[in-house]
N, C-alpha and C. Protein backbone atom coordinates (compact mmCIF):
# COMPACT_ATOMS: atom_id res chain seq x y z
N UNK A 1 0.78 -1.32 0.10
CA UNK A 1 -0.03 -0.07 0.02
C UNK A 1 1.00 1.25 -0.03
N UNK A 2 0.43 2.14 -0.51
CA UNK A 2 1.21 3.59 -0.76
C UNK A 2 0.40 4.55 -0.05
N UNK A 3 1.13 5.32 0.78
CA UNK A 3 0.52 6.50 1.39
C UNK A 3 0.90 7.80 0.76
N UNK A 4 -0.10 8.70 0.32
CA UNK A 4 0.30 9.84 -0.35
C UNK A 4 -0.25 11.09 0.67
N UNK A 5 0.50 12.23 0.62
CA UNK A 5 0.24 13.34 1.19
C UNK A 5 -0.05 14.51 0.22
N UNK A 6 -0.99 15.19 0.37
CA UNK A 6 -1.68 16.24 -0.51
C UNK A 6 -1.21 17.43 -0.21
N UNK A 7 -0.68 18.24 -0.88
CA UNK A 7 -0.42 19.66 -0.30
C UNK A 7 -1.39 20.72 -1.55
N UNK A 8 -1.31 21.99 -0.93
CA UNK A 8 -2.01 22.96 -1.63
C UNK A 8 -1.34 23.64 -2.80
N UNK A 9 0.18 23.39 -2.56
CA UNK A 9 1.37 24.24 -3.62
C UNK A 9 2.58 23.48 -3.36
N UNK A 10 3.44 23.59 -4.25
CA UNK A 10 4.95 22.88 -4.17
C UNK A 10 5.84 23.82 -3.43
N UNK A 11 5.32 24.95 -2.78
CA UNK A 11 6.23 26.06 -2.27
C UNK A 11 6.47 25.62 -0.81
N UNK A 12 7.49 26.08 -0.13
CA UNK A 12 7.87 25.95 1.31
C UNK A 12 6.71 26.52 2.07
N UNK A 13 6.30 25.71 3.28
CA UNK A 13 5.12 26.11 3.96
C UNK A 13 3.86 25.95 3.40
N UNK A 14 3.82 25.02 2.50
CA UNK A 14 2.52 24.44 1.67
C UNK A 14 1.70 23.84 2.77
N UNK A 15 0.39 23.66 2.73
CA UNK A 15 -0.48 23.25 3.57
C UNK A 15 -0.79 21.82 3.44
N UNK A 16 -0.89 21.05 3.90
CA UNK A 16 -1.30 19.66 3.82
C UNK A 16 -2.91 19.66 3.91
N UNK A 17 -3.42 19.27 2.73
CA UNK A 17 -4.75 19.29 2.54
C UNK A 17 -5.58 17.99 2.43
N UNK A 18 -4.77 16.99 2.15
CA UNK A 18 -5.43 15.62 2.24
C UNK A 18 -4.42 14.53 2.24
N UNK A 19 -4.88 13.39 2.24
CA UNK A 19 -4.32 12.17 2.29
C UNK A 19 -4.85 10.96 1.24
N UNK A 20 -4.06 10.36 0.60
CA UNK A 20 -4.52 9.26 -0.34
C UNK A 20 -3.92 8.01 -0.13
N UNK A 21 -4.74 7.00 0.02
CA UNK A 21 -4.11 5.50 -0.01
C UNK A 21 -4.27 4.84 -1.18
N UNK A 22 -3.27 4.31 -1.63
CA UNK A 22 -3.36 3.63 -2.89
C UNK A 22 -2.93 1.95 -2.77
N UNK A 23 -3.97 1.11 -3.39
CA UNK A 23 -3.69 -0.32 -3.15
C UNK A 23 -3.96 -1.06 -4.39
N UNK A 24 -3.30 -2.12 -4.19
CA UNK A 24 -3.15 -2.99 -5.39
C UNK A 24 -4.72 -3.68 -5.95
N UNK A 25 -4.91 -4.00 -7.11
CA UNK A 25 -5.81 -4.96 -7.41
C UNK A 25 -6.37 -6.02 -6.36
N UNK A 26 -5.41 -6.67 -6.06
CA UNK A 26 -5.76 -7.76 -5.30
C UNK A 26 -6.33 -7.27 -4.00
N UNK A 27 -5.59 -6.35 -3.30
CA UNK A 27 -6.35 -5.73 -2.10
C UNK A 27 -7.68 -5.10 -2.13
N UNK A 28 -8.02 -4.56 -3.57
CA UNK A 28 -9.17 -3.85 -3.66
C UNK A 28 -10.41 -4.96 -4.05
N UNK A 29 -9.89 -6.04 -4.27
CA UNK A 29 -10.61 -7.36 -4.62
C UNK A 29 -11.36 -7.86 -3.20
N UNK A 30 -10.61 -7.39 -2.21
CA UNK A 30 -11.02 -7.82 -0.86
C UNK A 30 -12.21 -7.00 -0.25
N UNK A 31 -12.31 -5.97 -0.82
CA UNK A 31 -13.23 -4.94 -0.38
C UNK A 31 -14.71 -5.28 -0.67
N UNK A 32 -15.75 -4.86 0.11
CA UNK A 32 -17.00 -5.20 -0.17
C UNK A 32 -17.46 -4.29 -1.11
N UNK A 33 -18.64 -4.48 -1.70
CA UNK A 33 -19.27 -3.38 -2.97
C UNK A 33 -19.45 -2.10 -2.42
N UNK A 34 -19.90 -1.70 -1.20
CA UNK A 34 -19.97 -0.43 -0.56
C UNK A 34 -18.67 0.18 -0.56
N UNK A 35 -17.69 -0.33 -0.13
CA UNK A 35 -16.29 0.28 0.02
C UNK A 35 -15.65 0.36 -1.42
N UNK A 36 -15.82 -0.36 -2.24
CA UNK A 36 -15.20 -0.11 -3.84
C UNK A 36 -15.77 1.15 -4.35
N UNK A 37 -16.98 1.40 -3.92
CA UNK A 37 -17.40 2.87 -4.58
C UNK A 37 -16.73 3.97 -4.06
N UNK A 38 -15.91 4.05 -3.11
CA UNK A 38 -15.15 5.10 -2.56
C UNK A 38 -13.89 5.15 -3.19
N UNK A 39 -13.44 4.27 -3.96
CA UNK A 39 -12.03 4.37 -4.44
C UNK A 39 -12.06 4.48 -6.08
N UNK A 40 -11.01 5.19 -6.51
CA UNK A 40 -11.07 5.52 -7.73
C UNK A 40 -9.71 4.83 -8.64
N UNK A 41 -9.61 4.82 -10.16
CA UNK A 41 -8.75 4.16 -10.75
C UNK A 41 -7.61 5.34 -11.14
N UNK A 42 -6.64 4.77 -11.42
CA UNK A 42 -5.40 5.65 -11.79
C UNK A 42 -4.92 5.78 -13.27
N UNK A 43 -6.00 5.01 -13.84
CA UNK A 43 -5.56 4.45 -15.51
C UNK A 43 -5.52 6.20 -16.14
N UNK A 44 -6.68 6.91 -16.12
CA UNK A 44 -6.84 8.11 -16.78
C UNK A 44 -5.66 9.02 -16.42
N UNK A 45 -5.21 9.06 -15.09
CA UNK A 45 -4.23 9.89 -14.67
C UNK A 45 -3.11 9.66 -15.30
N UNK A 46 -2.76 8.33 -15.34
CA UNK A 46 -1.29 8.03 -16.18
C UNK A 46 -1.24 8.24 -17.44
N UNK A 47 -2.45 7.61 -18.07
CA UNK A 47 -2.27 7.51 -19.60
C UNK A 47 -2.59 8.93 -20.23
N UNK A 48 -3.07 9.94 -19.64
CA UNK A 48 -3.45 11.29 -20.21
C UNK A 48 -2.16 12.24 -20.09
N UNK A 49 -1.34 11.71 -19.08
CA UNK A 49 -0.21 12.57 -18.81
C UNK A 49 -0.30 13.67 -17.53
N UNK A 50 -1.47 13.57 -16.91
CA UNK A 50 -1.99 14.18 -15.87
C UNK A 50 -0.95 14.10 -14.54
N UNK A 51 -0.84 12.80 -14.33
CA UNK A 51 0.02 12.48 -13.12
C UNK A 51 1.32 12.63 -13.46
N UNK A 52 2.17 13.42 -12.87
CA UNK A 52 3.81 13.50 -13.04
C UNK A 52 4.38 13.65 -11.71
N UNK A 53 5.68 13.08 -11.72
CA UNK A 53 6.69 13.12 -10.82
C UNK A 53 7.74 14.33 -10.92
N UNK A 54 7.71 15.16 -10.13
CA UNK A 54 8.64 16.36 -10.28
C UNK A 54 10.17 16.00 -10.25
N UNK A 55 10.78 16.41 -11.35
CA UNK A 55 12.17 16.20 -11.16
C UNK A 55 12.79 16.72 -9.91
N UNK A 56 13.70 16.17 -9.44
CA UNK A 56 14.26 16.59 -7.95
C UNK A 56 15.26 17.49 -7.92
N UNK A 57 16.11 17.64 -9.39
CA UNK A 57 17.15 18.36 -9.24
C UNK A 57 17.61 18.54 -10.90
N UNK A 58 17.77 19.75 -11.14
CA UNK A 58 18.28 20.01 -12.32
C UNK A 58 19.62 19.34 -12.96
N UNK A 59 20.20 18.78 -11.80
CA UNK A 59 21.38 17.87 -12.26
C UNK A 59 20.87 16.49 -12.64
N UNK A 60 19.74 16.06 -12.56
CA UNK A 60 19.42 14.87 -13.15
C UNK A 60 18.90 14.94 -14.55
N UNK A 61 19.52 14.15 -15.37
CA UNK A 61 19.13 14.41 -17.06
C UNK A 61 17.63 14.13 -17.37
N UNK A 62 17.07 15.25 -17.91
CA UNK A 62 15.75 15.06 -18.24
C UNK A 62 15.21 13.65 -18.87
N UNK A 63 16.07 13.31 -19.74
CA UNK A 63 15.90 11.80 -20.28
C UNK A 63 15.80 10.70 -19.33
N UNK A 64 16.47 10.68 -18.33
CA UNK A 64 16.86 9.55 -17.37
C UNK A 64 15.62 9.71 -16.55
N UNK A 65 15.25 10.95 -16.24
CA UNK A 65 14.06 11.18 -15.15
C UNK A 65 12.84 10.76 -15.78
N UNK A 66 12.78 10.92 -17.03
CA UNK A 66 11.53 10.75 -17.81
C UNK A 66 11.25 9.22 -17.81
N UNK A 67 12.51 8.56 -18.14
CA UNK A 67 12.64 6.99 -18.32
C UNK A 67 12.10 6.46 -16.78
N UNK A 68 12.58 6.99 -15.33
CA UNK A 68 12.45 6.66 -14.13
C UNK A 68 10.71 6.94 -14.08
N UNK A 69 10.35 8.21 -14.64
CA UNK A 69 9.00 8.30 -14.03
C UNK A 69 7.88 7.45 -14.87
N UNK A 70 8.47 7.12 -15.84
CA UNK A 70 7.27 5.90 -16.75
C UNK A 70 7.37 4.73 -16.36
N UNK A 71 8.62 4.35 -15.76
CA UNK A 71 8.66 3.00 -15.10
C UNK A 71 7.65 3.07 -13.86
N UNK A 72 7.79 4.16 -13.20
CA UNK A 72 6.87 4.18 -11.91
C UNK A 72 5.45 4.26 -12.28
N UNK A 73 5.02 4.90 -13.46
CA UNK A 73 3.61 4.96 -13.92
C UNK A 73 3.21 3.60 -14.25
N UNK A 74 4.09 2.65 -14.80
CA UNK A 74 3.58 1.50 -15.03
C UNK A 74 3.23 0.58 -13.78
N UNK A 75 3.55 1.05 -12.65
CA UNK A 75 2.99 0.35 -11.39
C UNK A 75 1.85 1.08 -10.93
N UNK A 76 1.73 2.55 -11.00
CA UNK A 76 0.65 3.28 -10.64
C UNK A 76 -0.44 3.13 -11.17
N UNK A 77 -0.40 2.77 -12.61
CA UNK A 77 -1.73 2.70 -13.38
C UNK A 77 -2.54 1.59 -12.86
N UNK A 78 -2.12 0.54 -12.23
CA UNK A 78 -2.86 -0.31 -11.61
C UNK A 78 -3.58 -0.21 -10.24
N UNK A 79 -3.14 0.68 -9.74
CA UNK A 79 -3.42 0.98 -8.10
C UNK A 79 -4.78 1.74 -8.17
N UNK A 80 -5.50 1.67 -7.03
CA UNK A 80 -7.02 2.19 -6.73
C UNK A 80 -6.61 3.02 -5.62
N UNK A 81 -7.03 4.23 -5.69
CA UNK A 81 -6.93 5.36 -4.86
C UNK A 81 -8.01 5.70 -3.91
N UNK A 82 -8.05 6.06 -2.56
CA UNK A 82 -8.99 6.66 -1.77
C UNK A 82 -8.61 7.99 -1.15
N UNK A 83 -8.98 8.85 -1.22
CA UNK A 83 -8.49 10.43 -0.73
C UNK A 83 -9.62 10.90 0.19
N UNK A 84 -8.92 11.36 1.22
CA UNK A 84 -9.60 12.00 2.25
C UNK A 84 -9.12 13.78 2.18
N UNK A 85 -9.99 14.84 2.05
CA UNK A 85 -9.93 16.21 2.00
C UNK A 85 -10.03 16.73 3.42
N UNK A 86 -8.81 17.16 3.93
CA UNK A 86 -8.79 17.46 5.35
C UNK A 86 -8.93 19.01 5.52
N UNK A 87 -8.58 19.80 4.44
CA UNK A 87 -8.27 21.32 4.80
C UNK A 87 -8.85 22.06 3.67
N UNK A 88 -10.14 22.87 3.58
CA UNK A 88 -10.72 23.35 2.23
C UNK A 88 -9.87 24.81 2.13
N UNK A 89 -8.86 24.84 1.91
CA UNK A 89 -8.39 26.24 1.61
C UNK A 89 -8.67 27.18 0.60
N UNK A 90 -9.42 26.13 -0.27
CA UNK A 90 -10.15 27.07 -1.58
C UNK A 90 -11.43 27.60 -1.12
N UNK A 91 -12.08 27.53 0.35
CA UNK A 91 -12.84 28.27 0.93
C UNK A 91 -12.39 29.25 1.68
N UNK A 92 -11.13 29.55 1.68
CA UNK A 92 -10.46 30.58 2.55
C UNK A 92 -10.15 30.08 4.12
N UNK A 93 -10.26 29.05 4.51
CA UNK A 93 -10.34 28.40 5.68
C UNK A 93 -8.84 28.51 6.12
N UNK A 94 -8.57 29.33 7.46
CA UNK A 94 -7.15 29.42 7.90
C UNK A 94 -6.69 28.17 8.79
N UNK A 95 -7.71 27.25 9.11
CA UNK A 95 -7.39 26.19 9.75
C UNK A 95 -8.24 24.86 8.92
N UNK A 96 -7.87 23.66 9.36
CA UNK A 96 -8.67 22.61 8.84
C UNK A 96 -10.07 22.49 9.52
N UNK A 97 -11.04 23.13 8.90
CA UNK A 97 -12.42 22.93 9.65
C UNK A 97 -13.37 21.94 9.09
N UNK A 98 -14.18 21.73 10.15
CA UNK A 98 -15.27 20.93 9.82
C UNK A 98 -14.71 19.16 9.38
N UNK A 99 -15.81 18.32 9.00
CA UNK A 99 -15.53 17.05 8.97
C UNK A 99 -14.54 16.77 7.64
N UNK A 100 -13.62 15.72 7.53
CA UNK A 100 -13.07 15.17 6.27
C UNK A 100 -13.80 14.94 5.28
N UNK A 101 -14.02 15.31 4.12
CA UNK A 101 -14.50 14.80 2.95
C UNK A 101 -13.88 13.85 1.82
N UNK A 102 -14.64 13.11 0.99
CA UNK A 102 -14.12 12.22 0.20
C UNK A 102 -13.69 13.19 -0.93
N UNK A 103 -12.43 12.81 -1.41
CA UNK A 103 -11.79 13.54 -2.47
C UNK A 103 -11.66 12.68 -3.50
N UNK A 104 -11.69 13.00 -4.83
CA UNK A 104 -11.43 12.12 -5.88
C UNK A 104 -10.48 12.94 -7.04
N UNK A 105 -10.24 12.16 -8.11
CA UNK A 105 -9.48 12.82 -9.16
C UNK A 105 -10.21 12.47 -10.39
N UNK A 106 -9.65 13.01 -11.59
CA UNK A 106 -10.38 12.79 -12.75
C UNK A 106 -10.18 11.48 -13.56
N UNK A 107 -11.27 10.75 -13.81
CA UNK A 107 -10.98 9.50 -14.32
C UNK A 107 -11.38 9.36 -16.14
N UNK A 108 -11.80 10.70 -16.62
CA UNK A 108 -12.28 10.53 -17.91
C UNK A 108 -11.86 12.15 -18.40
N UNK A 109 -11.73 12.39 -19.62
CA UNK A 109 -11.12 13.82 -19.94
C UNK A 109 -12.66 14.81 -20.22
N UNK A 110 -13.69 14.05 -20.29
CA UNK A 110 -14.92 14.85 -20.28
C UNK A 110 -15.67 15.11 -18.96
N UNK A 111 -14.85 14.92 -17.90
CA UNK A 111 -15.48 15.35 -16.52
C UNK A 111 -15.08 16.64 -16.16
N UNK A 112 -14.00 17.42 -16.76
CA UNK A 112 -13.78 18.72 -16.44
C UNK A 112 -13.76 19.39 -17.98
N UNK A 113 -14.44 20.51 -17.97
CA UNK A 113 -14.33 21.32 -19.12
C UNK A 113 -12.87 22.08 -19.19
N UNK A 114 -12.40 21.97 -20.59
CA UNK A 114 -11.05 22.60 -20.90
C UNK A 114 -9.94 22.02 -19.95
N UNK A 115 -10.13 20.67 -19.78
CA UNK A 115 -8.97 20.28 -18.79
C UNK A 115 -7.64 20.16 -19.49
N UNK A 116 -7.64 20.29 -20.84
CA UNK A 116 -6.25 20.56 -21.45
C UNK A 116 -5.56 21.76 -21.04
N UNK A 117 -6.34 22.89 -20.99
CA UNK A 117 -5.84 24.14 -20.21
C UNK A 117 -5.47 24.03 -18.90
N UNK A 118 -6.11 23.46 -18.22
CA UNK A 118 -5.75 23.24 -16.78
C UNK A 118 -4.55 22.58 -16.61
N UNK A 119 -4.11 21.66 -17.67
CA UNK A 119 -3.05 20.88 -17.23
C UNK A 119 -1.82 21.81 -18.11
N UNK A 120 -2.25 22.48 -19.01
CA UNK A 120 -1.27 23.52 -19.51
C UNK A 120 -0.70 24.66 -18.36
N UNK A 121 -1.57 24.97 -17.63
CA UNK A 121 -1.33 25.93 -16.60
C UNK A 121 -0.39 25.50 -15.67
N UNK A 122 -0.90 24.14 -15.20
CA UNK A 122 0.05 23.30 -14.20
C UNK A 122 1.38 23.18 -15.10
N UNK A 123 1.52 22.91 -16.16
CA UNK A 123 2.98 22.71 -16.65
C UNK A 123 3.83 24.00 -16.67
N UNK A 124 3.31 24.99 -16.86
CA UNK A 124 3.88 26.32 -16.83
C UNK A 124 4.63 26.73 -15.20
N UNK A 125 3.77 25.81 -14.32
CA UNK A 125 4.39 26.21 -12.97
C UNK A 125 5.83 25.39 -12.73
N UNK A 126 5.84 24.32 -13.56
CA UNK A 126 6.97 23.40 -13.55
C UNK A 126 7.79 23.13 -14.85
N UNK A 127 8.75 23.81 -14.80
CA UNK A 127 9.69 23.99 -16.03
C UNK A 127 10.00 22.40 -16.36
N UNK A 128 10.09 22.08 -17.60
CA UNK A 128 10.40 20.76 -18.19
C UNK A 128 8.99 19.76 -18.09
N UNK A 129 8.03 20.23 -17.60
CA UNK A 129 6.90 19.17 -17.44
C UNK A 129 5.88 19.42 -18.79
N UNK A 130 5.54 18.44 -19.54
CA UNK A 130 4.82 18.74 -20.54
C UNK A 130 3.71 17.22 -20.64
N UNK A 131 2.52 17.63 -20.23
CA UNK A 131 1.57 16.41 -20.14
C UNK A 131 1.33 15.82 -21.58
N UNK A 132 1.62 16.58 -22.67
CA UNK A 132 1.33 15.96 -23.94
C UNK A 132 2.54 14.99 -24.28
N UNK A 133 3.80 15.46 -24.00
CA UNK A 133 4.81 14.47 -24.13
C UNK A 133 4.84 13.25 -23.29
N UNK A 134 4.26 13.44 -21.98
CA UNK A 134 4.07 12.40 -20.86
C UNK A 134 3.30 11.34 -21.75
N UNK A 135 2.06 11.92 -22.30
CA UNK A 135 1.14 11.14 -22.84
C UNK A 135 1.63 10.13 -23.84
N UNK A 136 2.59 10.74 -24.57
CA UNK A 136 3.02 10.04 -25.71
C UNK A 136 3.89 8.83 -25.16
N UNK A 137 4.99 9.25 -23.97
CA UNK A 137 5.78 8.19 -23.62
C UNK A 137 4.99 7.06 -22.94
N UNK A 138 3.80 7.19 -22.60
CA UNK A 138 3.19 6.22 -21.79
C UNK A 138 2.03 5.47 -22.84
N UNK A 139 2.27 5.73 -23.98
CA UNK A 139 1.20 4.91 -25.04
C UNK A 139 1.49 3.43 -24.81
N UNK A 140 2.63 2.92 -24.48
CA UNK A 140 2.86 1.72 -24.55
C UNK A 140 2.44 0.94 -23.15
N UNK A 141 2.07 1.55 -22.13
CA UNK A 141 1.76 1.14 -20.69
C UNK A 141 0.30 0.48 -21.10
N UNK A 142 0.07 -0.86 -20.79
CA UNK A 142 -1.27 -1.47 -20.98
C UNK A 142 -2.10 -0.97 -20.05
N UNK A 143 -3.41 -0.76 -20.44
CA UNK A 143 -4.46 -0.32 -19.60
C UNK A 143 -5.07 -1.58 -18.80
N UNK A 144 -4.89 -1.53 -17.54
CA UNK A 144 -5.69 -2.66 -16.81
C UNK A 144 -7.15 -2.61 -16.79
N UNK A 145 -7.93 -3.69 -16.64
CA UNK A 145 -9.22 -3.55 -16.74
C UNK A 145 -9.80 -2.86 -15.17
N UNK A 146 -10.63 -1.81 -15.40
CA UNK A 146 -11.14 -1.13 -14.35
C UNK A 146 -12.38 -1.69 -13.66
N UNK A 147 -12.34 -2.14 -12.32
CA UNK A 147 -13.57 -2.87 -11.82
C UNK A 147 -14.72 -1.77 -12.04
N UNK A 148 -15.75 -2.18 -12.45
CA UNK A 148 -16.93 -1.47 -12.69
C UNK A 148 -17.64 -0.72 -11.30
N UNK A 149 -17.35 -1.37 -10.21
CA UNK A 149 -17.92 -0.76 -9.09
C UNK A 149 -16.93 0.21 -8.45
N UNK A 150 -15.78 0.51 -9.09
CA UNK A 150 -15.04 1.69 -8.36
C UNK A 150 -15.48 3.13 -8.86
N UNK A 151 -15.41 4.06 -7.92
CA UNK A 151 -15.83 5.45 -8.16
C UNK A 151 -17.13 5.69 -8.46
N UNK A 152 -18.09 4.52 -7.97
CA UNK A 152 -19.57 4.77 -8.32
C UNK A 152 -20.30 5.74 -7.36
N UNK A 153 -19.61 6.05 -6.23
CA UNK A 153 -20.31 7.03 -5.22
C UNK A 153 -20.46 8.16 -6.11
N UNK A 154 -19.84 8.50 -6.89
CA UNK A 154 -19.97 9.91 -7.88
C UNK A 154 -20.60 9.77 -9.02
N UNK A 155 -21.36 8.75 -9.39
CA UNK A 155 -21.98 8.55 -10.82
C UNK A 155 -23.32 8.26 -10.52
N UNK A 156 -24.13 8.87 -11.33
CA UNK A 156 -25.62 8.40 -11.10
C UNK A 156 -26.20 7.40 -11.80
N UNK A 157 -27.28 7.07 -11.72
CA UNK A 157 -27.79 5.68 -12.39
C UNK A 157 -27.75 5.54 -13.83
N UNK A 158 -27.46 6.81 -14.58
CA UNK A 158 -27.38 6.64 -15.96
C UNK A 158 -25.81 6.71 -16.36
N UNK A 159 -24.95 6.88 -15.27
CA UNK A 159 -23.42 6.51 -15.76
C UNK A 159 -22.83 8.11 -15.76
N UNK A 160 -23.53 9.14 -15.60
CA UNK A 160 -22.97 10.51 -15.84
C UNK A 160 -22.35 10.79 -14.27
N UNK A 161 -21.10 11.47 -14.29
CA UNK A 161 -20.36 12.03 -13.18
C UNK A 161 -21.24 13.16 -12.76
N UNK A 162 -21.38 13.11 -11.28
CA UNK A 162 -22.05 14.53 -10.86
C UNK A 162 -21.01 15.59 -10.80
N UNK A 163 -20.93 16.36 -11.86
CA UNK A 163 -19.67 17.27 -11.81
C UNK A 163 -19.88 18.55 -10.98
N UNK A 164 -21.44 18.95 -10.77
CA UNK A 164 -21.49 19.88 -9.98
C UNK A 164 -21.15 19.92 -8.49
N UNK A 165 -21.28 18.64 -8.13
CA UNK A 165 -21.09 18.31 -6.62
C UNK A 165 -19.50 17.77 -6.66
N UNK A 166 -18.92 17.38 -7.50
CA UNK A 166 -17.91 16.45 -7.25
C UNK A 166 -16.81 17.19 -7.91
N UNK A 167 -16.72 18.00 -8.76
CA UNK A 167 -15.62 18.78 -9.32
C UNK A 167 -15.71 20.26 -9.31
N UNK A 168 -16.12 20.76 -8.18
CA UNK A 168 -16.49 22.48 -8.04
C UNK A 168 -15.40 23.11 -7.58
N UNK A 169 -14.41 21.94 -6.78
CA UNK A 169 -13.24 22.74 -6.01
C UNK A 169 -11.87 22.36 -6.65
N UNK A 170 -11.63 23.11 -7.74
CA UNK A 170 -10.39 22.53 -8.41
C UNK A 170 -9.09 23.15 -7.96
N UNK A 171 -7.94 22.44 -8.08
CA UNK A 171 -6.75 23.10 -7.61
C UNK A 171 -5.52 22.30 -7.94
N UNK A 172 -4.40 22.83 -7.93
CA UNK A 172 -3.22 21.95 -8.49
C UNK A 172 -2.51 21.47 -6.98
N UNK A 173 -2.22 20.21 -6.98
CA UNK A 173 -1.77 19.44 -5.71
C UNK A 173 -0.27 18.93 -5.84
N UNK A 174 0.15 19.03 -5.00
CA UNK A 174 1.53 18.23 -5.23
C UNK A 174 1.33 16.89 -4.06
N UNK A 175 1.32 15.76 -4.76
CA UNK A 175 1.48 14.69 -3.88
C UNK A 175 2.73 14.09 -3.68
N UNK A 176 3.32 13.61 -2.38
CA UNK A 176 4.31 13.09 -2.00
C UNK A 176 4.08 11.62 -1.67
N UNK A 177 4.23 10.66 -2.62
CA UNK A 177 3.94 9.49 -2.34
C UNK A 177 5.16 8.64 -1.54
N UNK A 178 4.43 7.82 -0.49
CA UNK A 178 5.57 7.14 0.39
C UNK A 178 5.23 5.43 0.21
N UNK A 179 5.99 4.79 -0.36
CA UNK A 179 5.81 3.46 -0.56
C UNK A 179 6.62 2.64 0.52
N UNK A 180 5.78 1.90 1.40
CA UNK A 180 6.43 1.08 2.29
C UNK A 180 6.91 -0.47 1.67
N UNK A 181 8.38 -0.56 1.51
CA UNK A 181 8.81 -1.73 0.92
C UNK A 181 9.91 -2.38 2.05
N UNK A 182 9.67 -3.48 2.47
CA UNK A 182 10.64 -4.02 3.51
C UNK A 182 11.12 -3.28 4.25
N UNK A 183 10.24 -2.47 5.21
CA UNK A 183 10.59 -1.72 6.31
C UNK A 183 11.22 -0.53 5.99
N UNK A 184 11.37 -0.24 4.55
CA UNK A 184 12.23 1.24 3.97
C UNK A 184 11.19 2.17 3.38
N UNK A 185 11.21 3.33 3.59
CA UNK A 185 10.50 4.07 2.90
C UNK A 185 11.19 4.78 1.80
N UNK A 186 10.33 5.06 0.60
CA UNK A 186 10.82 5.53 -0.67
C UNK A 186 9.79 6.88 -0.79
N UNK A 187 10.41 8.09 -0.63
CA UNK A 187 9.29 9.02 -1.04
C UNK A 187 9.53 9.63 -2.53
N UNK A 188 8.47 9.58 -3.12
CA UNK A 188 8.49 10.03 -4.59
C UNK A 188 7.23 11.21 -4.79
N UNK A 189 7.79 12.13 -5.15
CA UNK A 189 6.87 13.37 -5.35
C UNK A 189 6.09 13.33 -6.44
N UNK A 190 4.72 13.58 -6.54
CA UNK A 190 4.08 13.63 -7.71
C UNK A 190 3.15 15.15 -7.57
N UNK A 191 2.91 15.64 -8.99
CA UNK A 191 1.73 16.77 -8.81
C UNK A 191 1.13 16.66 -9.87
N UNK A 192 -0.15 16.89 -9.62
CA UNK A 192 -1.48 16.64 -10.66
C UNK A 192 -2.55 17.67 -10.43
N UNK A 193 -3.26 17.71 -11.31
CA UNK A 193 -4.59 18.64 -11.15
C UNK A 193 -5.29 17.65 -10.34
N UNK A 194 -5.91 18.08 -9.08
CA UNK A 194 -6.61 17.10 -8.35
C UNK A 194 -8.16 18.09 -8.12
N UNK A 195 -9.23 17.18 -7.83
CA UNK A 195 -10.35 17.70 -7.66
C UNK A 195 -10.98 17.38 -6.45
N UNK A 196 -11.68 18.12 -5.79
CA UNK A 196 -12.42 17.53 -4.61
C UNK A 196 -13.99 17.10 -4.67
N UNK A 197 -14.45 16.28 -4.16
CA UNK A 197 -15.78 15.73 -4.17
C UNK A 197 -16.56 15.92 -3.06
N UNK A 198 -17.36 16.87 -2.86
CA UNK A 198 -18.12 17.12 -1.85
C UNK A 198 -19.17 15.69 -1.65
N UNK A 199 -19.24 15.25 -0.29
CA UNK A 199 -20.17 14.23 -0.13
C UNK A 199 -21.43 14.68 0.42
């Protein structure tokens, strides 16, 4: 299982606004149907070029980092995520107020109007980041079958996503993914447009 911390910016002093848990398909399969509805796939995030890992240093060659990132995405694409939103900074809250809310990400391009422009704006904040190029680099990554029960808490009976309630608070987030392997932690930073879903 991976544990991800979500911040409201990549700058020093950024506020921790959420936590995401990411699990394998095998673990997801052990969940009951009601619980599965609260988890989302990462297939679109990976294949669209939306999910990226920030280059840690200009000393790391761009090509080498892109290869490392693509290799990591080959693993991430299989995972299901469940996110809790803790601090609604978009509402101007100076402290994390109220109850935690379920947060989700984008699982299809048509869920957010002008998503490409949002990702262009994100890329401008991080020199060297180009979602279109990343999309091309990931074309070879096989798309795993997505369980039909995932993400359904945000979908109505006709299959349409509740965009008014689910995607009304848009932001750029920085994810710091921490993978626990053989009692060792490996921190990997990611940045992506994330959207919160009001329950």
